[in-house]
Amino acid sequence: MKKMSPSEAPWADGTKLFIIDTGEWRYQRPTTKKDKCCRCGNCYLFCPVGCIEWRSNYVAANLEYCKGCGVCASVCPVNAIRMVREDGSSTEP
């Protein structure tokens, strides 16, 4: 797919932004509650890296490329995605 204008995003050619692997600096990661996911696609649309993958009954982040920004959790309308620390503890208060 050819970019129509220079202002289009770099993923306009059909490739994903899987350019840079996640480093050891990530301190939190998203986890999806499979039974709560309504497959609305908000997390997929708003993920700045494009690492959300569609599974059979839910969506989940590809943790190999996820940077841990938390955008997916903040846009989830049913709170199916929550951020947990890399050590396994919750980042919620």
PDB file of N, CA and C in Angstrom:
ATOM      1  N   MET A   1       0.840  -1.174   0.000  1.00  0.00           N
ATOM      2  CA  MET A   1       0.000   0.000   0.000  1.00  0.00           C
ATOM      3  C   MET A   1       0.887   1.240   0.000  1.00  0.00           C
ATOM      4  N   LYS A   2       0.669   2.109  -0.900  1.00  0.00           N
ATOM      5  CA  LYS A   2       1.467   3.316  -1.018  1.00  0.00           C
ATOM      6  C   LYS A   2       0.861   4.431  -0.172  1.00  0.00           C
ATOM      7  N   LYS A   3       1.717   5.174   0.508  1.00  0.00           N
ATOM      8  CA  LYS A   3       1.247   6.291   1.313  1.00  0.00           C
ATOM      9  C   LYS A   3       0.704   7.368   0.385  1.00  0.00           C
ATOM     10  N   MET A   4      -0.411   7.922   0.776  1.00  0.00           N
ATOM     11  CA  MET A   4      -1.051   8.935  -0.037  1.00  0.00           C
ATOM     12  C   MET A   4      -0.471  10.326   0.199  1.00  0.00           C
ATOM     13  N   SER A   5       0.042  10.573   1.404  1.00  0.00           N
ATOM     14  CA  SER A   5       0.607  11.877   1.705  1.00  0.00           C
ATOM     15  C   SER A   5       1.747  11.711   2.705  1.00  0.00           C
ATOM     16  N   PRO A   6       2.647  12.679   2.792  1.00  0.00           N
ATOM     17  CA  PRO A   6       3.752  12.570   3.745  1.00  0.00           C
ATOM     18  C   PRO A   6       3.299  12.660   5.189  1.00  0.00           C
ATOM     19  N   SER A   7       2.062  13.093   5.430  1.00  0.00           N
ATOM     20  CA  SER A   7       1.588  13.214   6.807  1.00  0.00           C
ATOM     21  C   SER A   7       0.975  11.931   7.337  1.00  0.00           C
ATOM     22  N   GLU A   8       0.851  10.901   6.508  1.00  0.00           N
ATOM     23  CA  GLU A   8       0.284   9.650   6.979  1.00  0.00           C
ATOM     24  C   GLU A   8       1.254   8.949   7.918  1.00  0.00           C
ATOM     25  N   ALA A   9       0.708   8.150   8.776  1.00  0.00           N
ATOM     26  CA  ALA A   9       1.499   7.441   9.781  1.00  0.00           C
ATOM     27  C   ALA A   9       2.398   6.385   9.136  1.00  0.00           C
ATOM     28  N   PRO A  10       3.460   5.982   9.828  1.00  0.00           N
ATOM     29  CA  PRO A  10       4.395   5.016   9.246  1.00  0.00           C
ATOM     30  C   PRO A  10       3.812   3.628   9.023  1.00  0.00           C
ATOM     31  N   TRP A  11       2.669   3.325   9.667  1.00  0.00           N
ATOM     32  CA  TRP A  11       2.064   2.003   9.472  1.00  0.00           C
ATOM     33  C   TRP A  11       1.108   1.977   8.282  1.00  0.00           C
ATOM     34  N   ALA A  12       1.049   3.047   7.504  1.00  0.00           N
ATOM     35  CA  ALA A  12       0.147   3.112   6.359  1.00  0.00           C
ATOM     36  C   ALA A  12       0.518   2.116   5.268  1.00  0.00           C
ATOM     37  N   ASP A  13       1.740   1.619   5.284  1.00  0.00           N
ATOM     38  CA  ASP A  13       2.141   0.657   4.258  1.00  0.00           C
ATOM     39  C   ASP A  13       1.768  -0.769   4.632  1.00  0.00           C
ATOM     40  N   GLY A  14       1.074  -0.966   5.738  1.00  0.00           N
ATOM     41  CA  GLY A  14       0.608  -2.290   6.126  1.00  0.00           C
ATOM     42  C   GLY A  14       1.533  -3.018   7.090  1.00  0.00           C
ATOM     43  N   THR A  15       2.701  -2.491   7.374  1.00  0.00           N
ATOM     44  CA  THR A  15       3.593  -3.129   8.332  1.00  0.00           C
ATOM     45  C   THR A  15       3.253  -2.669   9.730  1.00  0.00           C
ATOM     46  N   LYS A  16       3.637  -3.449  10.712  1.00  0.00           N
ATOM     47  CA  LYS A  16       3.391  -3.078  12.095  1.00  0.00           C
ATOM     48  C   LYS A  16       4.597  -2.343  12.639  1.00  0.00           C
ATOM     49  N   LEU A  17       4.423  -1.698  13.743  1.00  0.00           N
ATOM     50  CA  LEU A  17       5.497  -0.942  14.362  1.00  0.00           C
ATOM     51  C   LEU A  17       6.351  -1.817  15.276  1.00  0.00           C
ATOM     52  N   PHE A  18       6.505  -3.067  14.924  1.00  0.00           N
ATOM     53  CA  PHE A  18       7.315  -3.976  15.721  1.00  0.00           C
ATOM     54  C   PHE A  18       8.778  -3.785  15.373  1.00  0.00           C
ATOM     55  N   ILE A  19       9.265  -2.598  15.559  1.00  0.00           N
ATOM     56  CA  ILE A  19      10.632  -2.286  15.204  1.00  0.00           C
ATOM     57  C   ILE A  19      11.563  -2.488  16.390  1.00  0.00           C
ATOM     58  N   ILE A  20      11.129  -2.035  17.549  1.00  0.00           N
ATOM     59  CA  ILE A  20      11.978  -2.061  18.727  1.00  0.00           C
ATOM     60  C   ILE A  20      11.379  -3.005  19.761  1.00  0.00           C
ATOM     61  N   ASP A  21      12.119  -4.019  20.148  1.00  0.00           N
ATOM     62  CA  ASP A  21      11.679  -4.910  21.218  1.00  0.00           C
ATOM     63  C   ASP A  21      11.621  -4.139  22.525  1.00  0.00           C
ATOM     64  N   THR A  22      10.794  -4.623  23.436  1.00  0.00           N
ATOM     65  CA  THR A  22      10.720  -4.008  24.747  1.00  0.00           C
ATOM     66  C   THR A  22      12.003  -4.277  25.500  1.00  0.00           C
ATOM     67  N   GLY A  23      12.533  -3.248  26.108  1.00  0.00           N
ATOM     68  CA  GLY A  23      13.754  -3.386  26.886  1.00  0.00           C
ATOM     69  C   GLY A  23      13.451  -3.781  28.313  1.00  0.00           C
ATOM     70  N   GLU A  24      14.465  -3.836  29.116  1.00  0.00           N
ATOM     71  CA  GLU A  24      14.294  -4.195  30.526  1.00  0.00           C
ATOM     72  C   GLU A  24      13.742  -3.037  31.337  1.00  0.00           C
ATOM     73  N   TRP A  25      13.539  -1.886  30.725  1.00  0.00           N
ATOM     74  CA  TRP A  25      13.053  -0.709  31.428  1.00  0.00           C
ATOM     75  C   TRP A  25      11.560  -0.742  31.694  1.00  0.00           C
ATOM     76  N   ARG A  26      10.797  -1.615  31.040  1.00  0.00           N
ATOM     77  CA  ARG A  26       9.354  -1.665  31.275  1.00  0.00           C
ATOM     78  C   ARG A  26       9.091  -2.133  32.693  1.00  0.00           C
ATOM     79  N   TYR A  27       8.278  -1.380  33.443  1.00  0.00           N
ATOM     80  CA  TYR A  27       7.998  -1.750  34.821  1.00  0.00           C
ATOM     81  C   TYR A  27       6.580  -2.273  35.026  1.00  0.00           C
ATOM     82  N   GLN A  28       5.705  -2.116  34.013  1.00  0.00           N
ATOM     83  CA  GLN A  28       4.351  -2.634  34.111  1.00  0.00           C
ATOM     84  C   GLN A  28       3.931  -3.215  32.775  1.00  0.00           C
ATOM     85  N   ARG A  29       2.954  -4.127  32.836  1.00  0.00           N
ATOM     86  CA  ARG A  29       2.474  -4.770  31.615  1.00  0.00           C
ATOM     87  C   ARG A  29       0.971  -4.996  31.735  1.00  0.00           C
ATOM     88  N   PRO A  30       0.279  -5.018  30.606  1.00  0.00           N
ATOM     89  CA  PRO A  30      -1.169  -5.245  30.655  1.00  0.00           C
ATOM     90  C   PRO A  30      -1.508  -6.724  30.751  1.00  0.00           C
ATOM     91  N   THR A  31      -2.528  -7.019  31.510  1.00  0.00           N
ATOM     92  CA  THR A  31      -3.085  -8.374  31.552  1.00  0.00           C
ATOM     93  C   THR A  31      -4.569  -8.259  31.229  1.00  0.00           C
ATOM     94  N   THR A  32      -5.073  -9.215  30.476  1.00  0.00           N
ATOM     95  CA  THR A  32      -6.472  -9.185  30.049  1.00  0.00           C
ATOM     96  C   THR A  32      -7.265 -10.232  30.796  1.00  0.00           C
ATOM     97  N   LYS A  33      -8.401  -9.828  31.361  1.00  0.00           N
ATOM     98  CA  LYS A  33      -9.352 -10.767  31.960  1.00  0.00           C
ATOM     99  C   LYS A  33     -10.201 -11.290  30.811  1.00  0.00           C
ATOM    100  N   LYS A  34      -9.920 -12.506  30.400  1.00  0.00           N
ATOM    101  CA  LYS A  34     -10.528 -13.069  29.194  1.00  0.00           C
ATOM    102  C   LYS A  34     -12.046 -13.078  29.240  1.00  0.00           C
ATOM    103  N   ASP A  35     -12.621 -13.372  30.397  1.00  0.00           N
ATOM    104  CA  ASP A  35     -14.078 -13.465  30.491  1.00  0.00           C
ATOM    105  C   ASP A  35     -14.764 -12.097  30.484  1.00  0.00           C
ATOM    106  N   LYS A  36     -14.029 -11.010  30.767  1.00  0.00           N
ATOM    107  CA  LYS A  36     -14.617  -9.670  30.759  1.00  0.00           C
ATOM    108  C   LYS A  36     -14.466  -8.957  29.421  1.00  0.00           C
ATOM    109  N   CYS A  37     -13.546  -9.400  28.583  1.00  0.00           N
ATOM    110  CA  CYS A  37     -13.262  -8.708  27.320  1.00  0.00           C
ATOM    111  C   CYS A  37     -14.480  -8.753  26.400  1.00  0.00           C
ATOM    112  N   CYS A  38     -14.897  -7.569  25.924  1.00  0.00           N
ATOM    113  CA  CYS A  38     -16.059  -7.495  25.036  1.00  0.00           C
ATOM    114  C   CYS A  38     -15.651  -7.366  23.570  1.00  0.00           C
ATOM    115  N   ARG A  39     -14.346  -7.432  23.285  1.00  0.00           N
ATOM    116  CA  ARG A  39     -13.804  -7.368  21.926  1.00  0.00           C
ATOM    117  C   ARG A  39     -14.272  -6.121  21.171  1.00  0.00           C
ATOM    118  N   CYS A  40     -14.300  -4.991  21.869  1.00  0.00           N
ATOM    119  CA  CYS A  40     -14.734  -3.742  21.240  1.00  0.00           C
ATOM    120  C   CYS A  40     -13.667  -3.180  20.304  1.00  0.00           C
ATOM    121  N   GLY A  41     -12.400  -3.475  20.571  1.00  0.00           N
ATOM    122  CA  GLY A  41     -11.317  -3.019  19.717  1.00  0.00           C
ATOM    123  C   GLY A  41     -10.711  -1.682  20.106  1.00  0.00           C
ATOM    124  N   ASN A  42     -11.169  -1.077  21.202  1.00  0.00           N
ATOM    125  CA  ASN A  42     -10.596   0.201  21.628  1.00  0.00           C
ATOM    126  C   ASN A  42      -9.099   0.079  21.882  1.00  0.00           C
ATOM    127  N   CYS A  43      -8.693  -0.960  22.575  1.00  0.00           N
ATOM    128  CA  CYS A  43      -7.272  -1.134  22.882  1.00  0.00           C
ATOM    129  C   CYS A  43      -6.465  -1.302  21.594  1.00  0.00           C
ATOM    130  N   TYR A  44      -7.020  -2.012  20.652  1.00  0.00           N
ATOM    131  CA  TYR A  44      -6.364  -2.220  19.365  1.00  0.00           C
ATOM    132  C   TYR A  44      -6.188  -0.902  18.618  1.00  0.00           C
ATOM    133  N   LEU A  45      -7.208  -0.074  18.642  1.00  0.00           N
ATOM    134  CA  LEU A  45      -7.164   1.203  17.931  1.00  0.00           C
ATOM    135  C   LEU A  45      -6.231   2.218  18.574  1.00  0.00           C
ATOM    136  N   PHE A  46      -6.181   2.245  19.903  1.00  0.00           N
ATOM    137  CA  PHE A  46      -5.430   3.286  20.592  1.00  0.00           C
ATOM    138  C   PHE A  46      -4.013   2.896  20.983  1.00  0.00           C
ATOM    139  N   CYS A  47      -3.626   1.645  20.839  1.00  0.00           N
ATOM    140  CA  CYS A  47      -2.260   1.229  21.203  1.00  0.00           C
ATOM    141  C   CYS A  47      -1.250   1.950  20.319  1.00  0.00           C
ATOM    142  N   PRO A  48      -0.353   2.744  20.911  1.00  0.00           N
ATOM    143  CA  PRO A  48       0.597   3.503  20.094  1.00  0.00           C
ATOM    144  C   PRO A  48       1.643   2.638  19.396  1.00  0.00           C
ATOM    145  N   VAL A  49       1.862   1.433  19.889  1.00  0.00           N
ATOM    146  CA  VAL A  49       2.844   0.542  19.289  1.00  0.00           C
ATOM    147  C   VAL A  49       2.194  -0.432  18.314  1.00  0.00           C
ATOM    148  N   GLY A  50       0.912  -0.683  18.477  1.00  0.00           N
ATOM    149  CA  GLY A  50       0.218  -1.627  17.616  1.00  0.00           C
ATOM    150  C   GLY A  50       0.488  -3.068  17.987  1.00  0.00           C
ATOM    151  N   CYS A  51       0.657  -3.333  19.275  1.00  0.00           N
ATOM    152  CA  CYS A  51       1.016  -4.688  19.702  1.00  0.00           C
ATOM    153  C   CYS A  51      -0.172  -5.487  20.231  1.00  0.00           C
ATOM    154  N   ILE A  52      -1.390  -4.985  20.074  1.00  0.00           N
ATOM    155  CA  ILE A  52      -2.570  -5.722  20.514  1.00  0.00           C
ATOM    156  C   ILE A  52      -2.904  -6.785  19.475  1.00  0.00           C
ATOM    157  N   GLU A  53      -3.110  -7.995  19.949  1.00  0.00           N
ATOM    158  CA  GLU A  53      -3.419  -9.120  19.062  1.00  0.00           C
ATOM    159  C   GLU A  53      -4.813  -9.655  19.360  1.00  0.00           C
ATOM    160  N   TRP A  54      -5.530 -10.021  18.322  1.00  0.00           N
ATOM    161  CA  TRP A  54      -6.852 -10.622  18.475  1.00  0.00           C
ATOM    162  C   TRP A  54      -6.683 -12.108  18.729  1.00  0.00           C
ATOM    163  N   ARG A  55      -7.262 -12.583  19.803  1.00  0.00           N
ATOM    164  CA  ARG A  55      -7.280 -14.012  20.128  1.00  0.00           C
ATOM    165  C   ARG A  55      -8.686 -14.536  19.862  1.00  0.00           C
ATOM    166  N   SER A  56      -8.966 -15.772  20.207  1.00  0.00           N
ATOM    167  CA  SER A  56     -10.276 -16.352  19.893  1.00  0.00           C
ATOM    168  C   SER A  56     -11.432 -15.624  20.575  1.00  0.00           C
ATOM    169  N   ASN A  57     -11.360 -15.384  21.875  1.00  0.00           N
ATOM    170  CA  ASN A  57     -12.465 -14.750  22.600  1.00  0.00           C
ATOM    171  C   ASN A  57     -12.075 -13.448  23.285  1.00  0.00           C
ATOM    172  N   TYR A  58     -10.877 -12.959  23.066  1.00  0.00           N
ATOM    173  CA  TYR A  58     -10.408 -11.754  23.739  1.00  0.00           C
ATOM    174  C   TYR A  58      -9.247 -11.156  22.956  1.00  0.00           C
ATOM    175  N   VAL A  59      -8.787  -9.998  23.406  1.00  0.00           N
ATOM    176  CA  VAL A  59      -7.610  -9.378  22.822  1.00  0.00           C
ATOM    177  C   VAL A  59      -6.541  -9.270  23.910  1.00  0.00           C
ATOM    178  N   ALA A  60      -5.289  -9.329  23.510  1.00  0.00           N
ATOM    179  CA  ALA A  60      -4.187  -9.255  24.466  1.00  0.00           C
ATOM    180  C   ALA A  60      -2.985  -8.603  23.807  1.00  0.00           C
ATOM    181  N   ALA A  61      -2.128  -8.031  24.633  1.00  0.00           N
ATOM    182  CA  ALA A  61      -0.927  -7.375  24.129  1.00  0.00           C
ATOM    183  C   ALA A  61       0.178  -8.397  23.899  1.00  0.00           C
ATOM    184  N   ASN A  62       0.918  -8.211  22.830  1.00  0.00           N
ATOM    185  CA  ASN A  62       2.118  -9.005  22.575  1.00  0.00           C
ATOM    186  C   ASN A  62       3.207  -8.406  23.462  1.00  0.00           C
ATOM    187  N   LEU A  63       3.538  -9.087  24.549  1.00  0.00           N
ATOM    188  CA  LEU A  63       4.452  -8.540  25.545  1.00  0.00           C
ATOM    189  C   LEU A  63       5.882  -8.431  25.058  1.00  0.00           C
ATOM    190  N   GLU A  64       6.188  -9.028  23.928  1.00  0.00           N
ATOM    191  CA  GLU A  64       7.521  -8.895  23.366  1.00  0.00           C
ATOM    192  C   GLU A  64       7.775  -7.470  22.871  1.00  0.00           C
ATOM    193  N   TYR A  65       6.689  -6.781  22.490  1.00  0.00           N
ATOM    194  CA  TYR A  65       6.811  -5.430  21.953  1.00  0.00           C
ATOM    195  C   TYR A  65       6.106  -4.368  22.785  1.00  0.00           C
ATOM    196  N   CYS A  66       5.275  -4.763  23.732  1.00  0.00           N
ATOM    197  CA  CYS A  66       4.541  -3.822  24.574  1.00  0.00           C
ATOM    198  C   CYS A  66       5.509  -2.999  25.418  1.00  0.00           C
ATOM    199  N   LYS A  67       5.280  -1.685  25.449  1.00  0.00           N
ATOM    200  CA  LYS A  67       6.143  -0.776  26.211  1.00  0.00           C
ATOM    201  C   LYS A  67       5.615  -0.502  27.604  1.00  0.00           C
ATOM    202  N   GLY A  68       4.385  -0.923  27.899  1.00  0.00           N
ATOM    203  CA  GLY A  68       3.823  -0.744  29.232  1.00  0.00           C
ATOM    204  C   GLY A  68       3.246   0.631  29.487  1.00  0.00           C
ATOM    205  N   CYS A  69       2.780   1.311  28.446  1.00  0.00           N
ATOM    206  CA  CYS A  69       2.283   2.682  28.602  1.00  0.00           C
ATOM    207  C   CYS A  69       0.944   2.747  29.332  1.00  0.00           C
ATOM    208  N   GLY A  70       0.116   1.706  29.222  1.00  0.00           N
ATOM    209  CA  GLY A  70      -1.167   1.670  29.916  1.00  0.00           C
ATOM    210  C   GLY A  70      -2.328   2.272  29.161  1.00  0.00           C
ATOM    211  N   VAL A  71      -2.120   2.673  27.916  1.00  0.00           N
ATOM    212  CA  VAL A  71      -3.205   3.256  27.130  1.00  0.00           C
ATOM    213  C   VAL A  71      -4.329   2.238  26.954  1.00  0.00           C
ATOM    214  N   CYS A  72      -3.995   1.002  26.684  1.00  0.00           N
ATOM    215  CA  CYS A  72      -5.006  -0.031  26.466  1.00  0.00           C
ATOM    216  C   CYS A  72      -5.916  -0.180  27.693  1.00  0.00           C
ATOM    217  N   ALA A  73      -5.332  -0.149  28.873  1.00  0.00           N
ATOM    218  CA  ALA A  73      -6.120  -0.283  30.097  1.00  0.00           C
ATOM    219  C   ALA A  73      -7.001   0.938  30.328  1.00  0.00           C
ATOM    220  N   SER A  74      -6.514   2.108  29.955  1.00  0.00           N
ATOM    221  CA  SER A  74      -7.297   3.318  30.204  1.00  0.00           C
ATOM    222  C   SER A  74      -8.466   3.476  29.241  1.00  0.00           C
ATOM    223  N   VAL A  75      -8.412   2.883  28.057  1.00  0.00           N
ATOM    224  CA  VAL A  75      -9.506   3.015  27.095  1.00  0.00           C
ATOM    225  C   VAL A  75     -10.467   1.831  27.107  1.00  0.00           C
ATOM    226  N   CYS A  76     -10.203   0.830  27.915  1.00  0.00           N
ATOM    227  CA  CYS A  76     -11.082  -0.349  27.972  1.00  0.00           C
ATOM    228  C   CYS A  76     -12.379   0.008  28.690  1.00  0.00           C
ATOM    229  N   PRO A  77     -13.533  -0.090  28.012  1.00  0.00           N
ATOM    230  CA  PRO A  77     -14.798   0.325  28.624  1.00  0.00           C
ATOM    231  C   PRO A  77     -15.307  -0.616  29.714  1.00  0.00           C
ATOM    232  N   VAL A  78     -14.835  -1.852  29.728  1.00  0.00           N
ATOM    233  CA  VAL A  78     -15.320  -2.816  30.734  1.00  0.00           C
ATOM    234  C   VAL A  78     -14.228  -3.198  31.736  1.00  0.00           C
ATOM    235  N   ASN A  79     -13.130  -2.478  31.722  1.00  0.00           N
ATOM    236  CA  ASN A  79     -12.006  -2.733  32.643  1.00  0.00           C
ATOM    237  C   ASN A  79     -11.505  -4.174  32.575  1.00  0.00           C
ATOM    238  N   ALA A  80     -11.450  -4.711  31.375  1.00  0.00           N
ATOM    239  CA  ALA A  80     -10.945  -6.065  31.196  1.00  0.00           C
ATOM    240  C   ALA A  80      -9.420  -6.098  31.197  1.00  0.00           C
ATOM    241  N   ILE A  81      -8.798  -4.955  30.968  1.00  0.00           N
ATOM    242  CA  ILE A  81      -7.336  -4.878  30.942  1.00  0.00           C
ATOM    243  C   ILE A  81      -6.881  -4.092  32.158  1.00  0.00           C
ATOM    244  N   ARG A  82      -5.932  -4.649  32.882  1.00  0.00           N
ATOM    245  CA  ARG A  82      -5.351  -3.920  34.004  1.00  0.00           C
ATOM    246  C   ARG A  82      -3.846  -4.023  33.927  1.00  0.00           C
ATOM    247  N   MET A  83      -3.207  -3.051  34.484  1.00  0.00           N
ATOM    248  CA  MET A  83      -1.753  -3.009  34.470  1.00  0.00           C
ATOM    249  C   MET A  83      -1.220  -3.651  35.746  1.00  0.00           C
ATOM    250  N   VAL A  84      -0.249  -4.523  35.586  1.00  0.00           N
ATOM    251  CA  VAL A  84       0.415  -5.145  36.735  1.00  0.00           C
ATOM    252  C   VAL A  84       1.912  -4.868  36.625  1.00  0.00           C
ATOM    253  N   ARG A  85       2.547  -4.770  37.747  1.00  0.00           N
ATOM    254  CA  ARG A  85       3.993  -4.562  37.757  1.00  0.00           C
ATOM    255  C   ARG A  85       4.673  -5.820  37.220  1.00  0.00           C
ATOM    256  N   GLU A  86       5.852  -5.654  36.720  1.00  0.00           N
ATOM    257  CA  GLU A  86       6.589  -6.797  36.189  1.00  0.00           C
ATOM    258  C   GLU A  86       6.835  -7.860  37.265  1.00  0.00           C
ATOM    259  N   ASP A  87       6.837  -7.453  38.531  1.00  0.00           N
ATOM    260  CA  ASP A  87       7.013  -8.431  39.607  1.00  0.00           C
ATOM    261  C   ASP A  87       5.729  -9.153  39.956  1.00  0.00           C
ATOM    262  N   GLY A  88       4.612  -8.779  39.287  1.00  0.00           N
ATOM    263  CA  GLY A  88       3.336  -9.472  39.487  1.00  0.00           C
ATOM    264  C   GLY A  88       2.337  -8.751  40.366  1.00  0.00           C
ATOM    265  N   SER A  89       2.739  -7.673  41.060  1.00  0.00           N
ATOM    266  CA  SER A  89       1.811  -6.946  41.909  1.00  0.00           C
ATOM    267  C   SER A  89       1.031  -5.931  41.084  1.00  0.00           C
ATOM    268  N   SER A  90      -0.150  -5.583  41.544  1.00  0.00           N
ATOM    269  CA  SER A  90      -1.010  -4.653  40.820  1.00  0.00           C
ATOM    270  C   SER A  90      -0.497  -3.229  40.944  1.00  0.00           C
ATOM    271  N   THR A  91      -0.710  -2.425  39.894  1.00  0.00           N
ATOM    272  CA  THR A  91      -0.336  -1.016  39.943  1.00  0.00           C
ATOM    273  C   THR A  91      -1.514  -0.157  40.355  1.00  0.00           C
ATOM    274  N   GLU A  92      -2.683  -0.785  40.557  1.00  0.00           N
ATOM    275  CA  GLU A  92      -3.865  -0.039  40.977  1.00  0.00           C
ATOM    276  C   GLU A  92      -3.760   0.275  42.462  1.00  0.00           C
ATOM    277  N   PRO A  93      -4.319   1.427  42.907  1.00  0.00           N
ATOM    278  CA  PRO A  93      -4.250   1.785  44.329  1.00  0.00           C
ATOM    279  C   PRO A  93      -5.073   0.874  45.196  1.00  0.00           C
TER     280      PRO A  93
END
